[in-house]
Amino acid sequence: MKLRYLVILGVLVFLNGFVFTVLFLMFSREMASPAPTETATVVPTMQATLTSTPLGPTPTDTPQPTHTYTPEPMPTNTMVVVPPTVTHTNTPVPPTSTPLPPTATFTPGDSDSVPPTATPTTPVPEPTSTPTMTPTVGGWDFVYVEGSEIAQPNCGTVYLHGKITGIGGEPADGRTVRLRWWNNVAFNVSGSAGGHDPGAWGFSPLSQEQFHSHQPFIVDIVESEANPVPISNETRIEFTDCSVAGQFTNITFAYAQ
């Protein structure tokens, strides 16, 4: 019974192979006729590489084992049918596009802002032509001239102006005058270095909201702003209100003779 099935199967395989052989021969004859010439169209916007292998008169027939049936009781009957292989390469090569790195854009912000411009400070010049003086009164180089101050009402600007005289009463330029009030301190250089007439000095220490507050002004002369060692006695001016006295002028320090 098993042998019968195998025989029937073998006959079916043979008939199948015969049909494929006839079809293969018919296809081979059609392929043997001259093939029309193909025209490759290249798209202008693409950089394509076109490789065309024309067909020869005889197509390539490379038989390869695709199905092998070997019945055990019968001799091996193997028929391999491979369709003809047509080689035609027309593969356009896509253009190569390398993306450019992003361009750095500078946007001023919190972390990437313009650095502040440093404001140069004008150094206070040291005296260059002040004659050497020897203190003779109370160990000071200069002393306040009692009664020289003139106080007048002024609520437009509260200010203090004065002068320093040297040997013989000539104006003494380049001397550093110190003003103290509450917890504040200010310095001014006499003469042209401080923006004044020869030997003169001045301060405008208060803001307008302080024009009616009581506070003392203490004025003296020191070596320099960097070395504030006093070289004169001090004078104390009691400020009470700008309507009582807001300008204090002619505050004079003289060389101690």
Protein backbone atom coordinates (compact mmCIF):
# COMPACT_ATOMS: atom_id res chain seq x y z
CA MET A 1 0.00 0.00 0.00
CA LYS A 2 2.84 2.35 0.87
CA LEU A 3 4.60 1.51 -2.39
CA ARG A 4 1.48 2.42 -4.34
CA TYR A 5 1.30 5.85 -2.76
CA LEU A 6 4.94 6.41 -3.49
CA VAL A 7 4.45 5.44 -7.15
CA ILE A 8 1.51 7.78 -7.48
CA LEU A 9 3.49 10.57 -5.84
CA GLY A 10 6.41 9.95 -8.17
CA VAL A 11 4.15 10.12 -11.23
CA LEU A 12 2.71 13.41 -10.00
CA VAL A 13 6.17 14.80 -9.47
CA PHE A 14 7.20 13.71 -12.97
CA LEU A 15 4.14 15.30 -14.55
CA ASN A 16 4.75 18.47 -12.59
CA GLY A 17 8.35 18.58 -13.74
CA PHE A 18 7.29 17.95 -17.34
CA VAL A 19 4.82 20.85 -17.27
CA PHE A 20 7.46 23.22 -15.81
CA THR A 21 9.94 22.07 -18.45
CA VAL A 22 7.53 22.89 -21.29
CA LEU A 23 6.79 26.29 -19.78
CA PHE A 24 10.48 26.95 -19.32
CA LEU A 25 11.24 26.15 -22.99
CA MET A 26 8.46 28.46 -24.17
CA PHE A 27 9.72 31.25 -21.93
CA SER A 28 13.28 30.72 -23.19
CA ARG A 29 12.22 31.13 -26.82
CA GLU A 30 10.45 34.39 -26.04
CA MET A 31 13.48 35.69 -24.18
CA ALA A 32 15.77 34.74 -27.10
CA SER A 33 14.12 37.38 -29.31
CA PRO A 34 15.90 40.85 -29.32
CA ALA A 35 14.83 42.92 -26.34
CA PRO A 36 13.87 46.59 -26.86
CA THR A 37 16.45 49.12 -25.79
CA GLU A 38 15.66 50.71 -22.45
CA THR A 39 16.17 54.40 -22.02
CA ALA A 40 17.20 55.42 -18.53
CA THR A 41 15.73 58.68 -17.37
CA VAL A 42 17.77 60.53 -14.79
CA VAL A 43 16.00 63.07 -12.64
CA PRO A 44 18.01 66.33 -12.88
CA THR A 45 17.55 67.15 -9.20
CA MET A 46 19.18 63.92 -8.03
CA GLN A 47 22.81 62.99 -8.26
CA ALA A 48 22.20 59.41 -9.38
CA THR A 49 24.62 56.76 -10.55
CA LEU A 50 23.00 54.62 -13.26
CA THR A 51 24.44 51.17 -13.96
CA SER A 52 22.73 49.25 -16.75
CA THR A 53 23.62 45.72 -17.74
CA PRO A 54 21.99 44.87 -21.10
CA LEU A 55 20.51 41.46 -21.65
CA GLY A 56 22.40 39.08 -23.88
CA PRO A 57 20.82 36.86 -26.45
CA THR A 58 20.72 34.01 -23.97
CA PRO A 59 19.43 34.60 -20.43
CA THR A 60 21.46 33.33 -17.57
CA ASP A 61 20.11 30.01 -16.41
CA THR A 62 21.80 28.89 -13.25
CA PRO A 63 20.14 25.71 -12.03
CA GLN A 64 20.13 25.49 -8.30
CA PRO A 65 18.60 22.77 -6.16
CA THR A 66 15.26 23.92 -4.93
CA HIS A 67 13.41 20.65 -4.25
CA THR A 68 14.78 17.14 -4.02
CA TYR A 69 12.48 14.16 -3.62
CA THR A 70 14.06 10.76 -3.14
CA PRO A 71 11.60 7.90 -2.66
CA GLU A 72 13.08 5.06 -0.73
CA PRO A 73 11.97 2.12 -2.90
CA MET A 74 12.47 3.86 -6.25
CA PRO A 75 15.51 5.37 -7.95
CA THR A 76 16.06 9.06 -7.29
CA ASN A 77 14.23 11.26 -9.74
CA THR A 78 15.24 14.92 -9.20
CA MET A 79 14.12 17.71 -11.50
CA VAL A 80 15.20 21.28 -10.80
CA VAL A 81 13.35 24.09 -12.54
CA VAL A 82 14.78 27.57 -12.07
CA PRO A 83 13.26 30.61 -13.79
CA PRO A 84 15.64 32.65 -15.88
CA THR A 85 17.60 35.33 -14.00
CA VAL A 86 17.50 38.79 -15.52
CA THR A 87 20.09 41.19 -14.19
CA HIS A 88 19.25 44.83 -14.62
CA THR A 89 20.72 47.38 -12.18
CA ASN A 90 19.32 50.86 -12.16
CA THR A 91 19.65 52.05 -8.58
CA PRO A 92 19.86 55.83 -8.15
CA VAL A 93 22.23 56.88 -5.43
CA PRO A 94 20.51 59.36 -3.10
CA PRO A 95 22.40 62.61 -2.65
CA THR A 96 24.49 62.80 0.46
CA SER A 97 23.54 65.65 2.68
CA THR A 98 25.64 66.39 5.71
CA PRO A 99 23.78 68.71 8.12
CA LEU A 100 25.71 71.74 9.14
CA PRO A 101 26.26 72.29 12.85
CA PRO A 102 23.89 74.82 14.36
CA THR A 103 25.12 78.38 14.32
CA ALA A 104 25.61 79.76 17.79
CA THR A 105 23.37 82.77 18.36
CA PHE A 106 24.27 85.22 20.99
CA THR A 107 21.23 86.44 22.90
CA PRO A 108 21.88 88.74 25.72
CA GLY A 109 20.49 87.31 28.84
CA ASP A 110 20.91 86.93 32.56
CA SER A 111 24.11 84.66 32.31
CA ASP A 112 25.34 86.05 28.84
CA SER A 113 25.17 90.00 29.48
CA VAL A 114 27.55 92.94 28.74
CA PRO A 115 29.98 93.41 31.71
CA PRO A 116 29.54 96.70 33.59
CA THR A 117 31.93 99.48 32.72
CA ALA A 118 34.12 100.40 35.60
CA THR A 119 33.92 104.09 36.47
CA PRO A 120 37.41 105.44 37.01
CA THR A 121 37.89 107.31 40.23
CA THR A 122 39.93 110.47 40.36
CA PRO A 123 42.74 110.05 42.87
CA VAL A 124 43.17 112.85 45.35
CA PRO A 125 46.49 114.50 44.54
CA GLU A 126 48.94 114.97 47.33
CA PRO A 127 50.21 118.47 48.02
CA THR A 128 53.26 119.30 45.94
CA SER A 129 54.11 122.89 46.75
CA THR A 130 53.03 123.29 50.38
CA PRO A 131 55.84 124.82 52.45
CA THR A 132 57.07 122.90 55.47
CA MET A 133 55.46 124.23 58.64
CA THR A 134 56.39 123.74 62.24
CA PRO A 135 53.49 123.62 64.70
CA THR A 136 53.75 126.20 67.45
CA VAL A 137 50.22 126.25 68.99
CA GLY A 138 48.88 123.23 70.85
CA GLY A 139 51.02 120.88 68.76
CA TRP A 140 48.90 121.49 65.63
CA ASP A 141 50.03 122.60 62.19
CA PHE A 142 46.74 124.52 61.78
CA VAL A 143 44.17 125.88 64.20
CA TYR A 144 40.56 126.98 63.76
CA VAL A 145 40.16 130.75 63.85
CA GLU A 146 37.53 131.31 66.53
CA GLY A 147 34.57 133.44 65.43
CA SER A 148 35.34 133.15 61.71
CA GLU A 149 32.23 131.10 60.91
CA ILE A 150 29.19 132.89 59.43
CA ALA A 151 25.82 131.03 59.74
CA GLN A 152 22.72 132.00 57.75
CA PRO A 153 19.33 130.39 56.97
CA ASN A 154 19.18 128.43 53.70
CA CYS A 155 16.66 125.69 52.90
CA GLY A 156 17.67 125.48 49.25
CA THR A 157 20.99 123.72 49.99
CA VAL A 158 22.68 123.00 53.29
CA TYR A 159 26.44 123.48 52.83
CA LEU A 160 29.69 124.35 54.62
CA HIS A 161 32.41 126.49 53.00
CA GLY A 162 35.73 127.61 54.39
CA LYS A 163 39.39 128.35 53.68
CA ILE A 164 42.89 127.48 54.85
CA THR A 165 45.72 130.01 55.12
CA GLY A 166 49.40 129.21 55.37
CA ILE A 167 52.53 131.12 56.37
CA GLY A 168 52.00 134.83 55.92
CA GLY A 169 48.26 134.34 55.33
CA GLU A 170 48.55 133.05 51.75
CA PRO A 171 46.01 130.40 50.61
CA ALA A 172 47.10 126.85 51.41
CA ASP A 173 46.20 124.44 48.61
CA GLY A 174 46.29 120.66 48.74
CA ARG A 175 45.23 120.32 52.37
CA THR A 176 42.67 117.58 53.20
CA VAL A 177 39.63 118.75 55.18
CA ARG A 178 37.51 116.14 56.98
CA LEU A 179 33.80 116.48 57.81
CA ARG A 180 32.06 114.10 60.22
CA TRP A 181 28.32 113.98 61.05
CA TRP A 182 26.44 111.15 62.73
CA ASN A 183 28.14 107.97 61.40
CA ASN A 184 29.28 109.59 58.15
CA VAL A 185 32.62 111.01 57.02
CA ALA A 186 33.63 112.98 53.93
CA PHE A 187 36.89 114.50 52.66
CA ASN A 188 37.68 117.49 50.45
CA VAL A 189 41.00 118.91 49.25
CA SER A 190 41.52 122.65 49.38
CA GLY A 191 42.22 124.64 46.24
CA SER A 192 41.99 123.60 42.59
CA ALA A 193 42.44 119.89 43.43
CA GLY A 194 39.04 119.98 45.13
CA GLY A 195 37.44 122.22 42.50
CA HIS A 196 37.64 125.42 44.55
CA ASP A 197 39.40 128.76 44.61
CA PRO A 198 42.93 128.84 46.12
CA GLY A 199 42.86 127.65 49.73
CA ALA A 200 39.06 127.11 49.69
CA TRP A 201 37.09 123.94 50.48
CA GLY A 202 33.42 122.97 50.82
CA PHE A 203 30.81 120.29 51.55
CA SER A 204 27.07 119.76 50.84
CA PRO A 205 26.48 116.73 53.05
CA LEU A 206 22.69 116.54 53.60
CA SER A 207 19.80 115.36 51.46
CA GLN A 208 16.61 117.42 51.43
CA GLU A 209 14.75 115.14 53.85
CA GLN A 210 17.49 115.86 56.45
CA PHE A 211 17.17 119.65 56.29
CA HIS A 212 15.08 119.75 59.50
CA SER A 213 16.94 117.19 61.62
CA HIS A 214 19.33 118.18 64.38
CA GLN A 215 22.90 116.94 64.01
CA PRO A 216 26.41 118.22 64.74
CA PHE A 217 29.06 118.90 62.05
CA ILE A 218 32.69 118.33 63.11
CA VAL A 219 35.40 119.79 60.85
CA ASP A 220 39.20 119.41 61.04
CA ILE A 221 42.28 119.03 58.79
CA VAL A 222 44.03 115.62 58.38
CA GLU A 223 47.16 114.35 56.66
CA SER A 224 45.19 112.70 53.80
CA GLU A 225 42.10 110.61 53.13
CA ALA A 226 44.26 107.48 53.14
CA ASN A 227 45.99 108.55 56.38
CA PRO A 228 43.39 110.57 58.33
CA VAL A 229 45.69 111.69 61.15
CA PRO A 230 44.51 115.12 62.37
CA ILE A 231 46.93 118.05 61.96
CA SER A 232 44.54 120.67 63.36
CA ASN A 233 42.08 121.06 66.18
CA GLU A 234 38.43 120.54 65.33
CA THR A 235 35.46 122.89 65.28
CA ARG A 236 31.93 121.76 66.09
CA ILE A 237 28.91 123.30 64.34
CA GLU A 238 25.46 122.51 65.71
CA PHE A 239 22.92 122.17 62.88
CA THR A 240 19.27 122.34 64.08
CA ASP A 241 17.14 123.34 61.07
CA CYS A 242 17.78 124.89 57.68
CA SER A 243 15.39 127.72 58.52
CA VAL A 244 17.63 128.62 61.48
CA ALA A 245 20.95 128.14 59.72
CA GLY A 246 21.47 126.18 56.51
CA GLN A 247 24.71 127.71 55.15
CA PHE A 248 27.94 127.97 57.09
CA THR A 249 30.66 130.02 55.39
CA ASN A 250 34.09 131.53 56.07
CA ILE A 251 35.10 128.58 58.32
CA THR A 252 38.84 129.41 58.52
CA PHE A 253 41.85 127.34 59.56
CA ALA A 254 45.17 129.21 59.78
CA TYR A 255 48.76 128.10 60.07
CA ALA A 256 49.73 128.02 63.74
CA GLN A 257 52.29 130.85 64.20
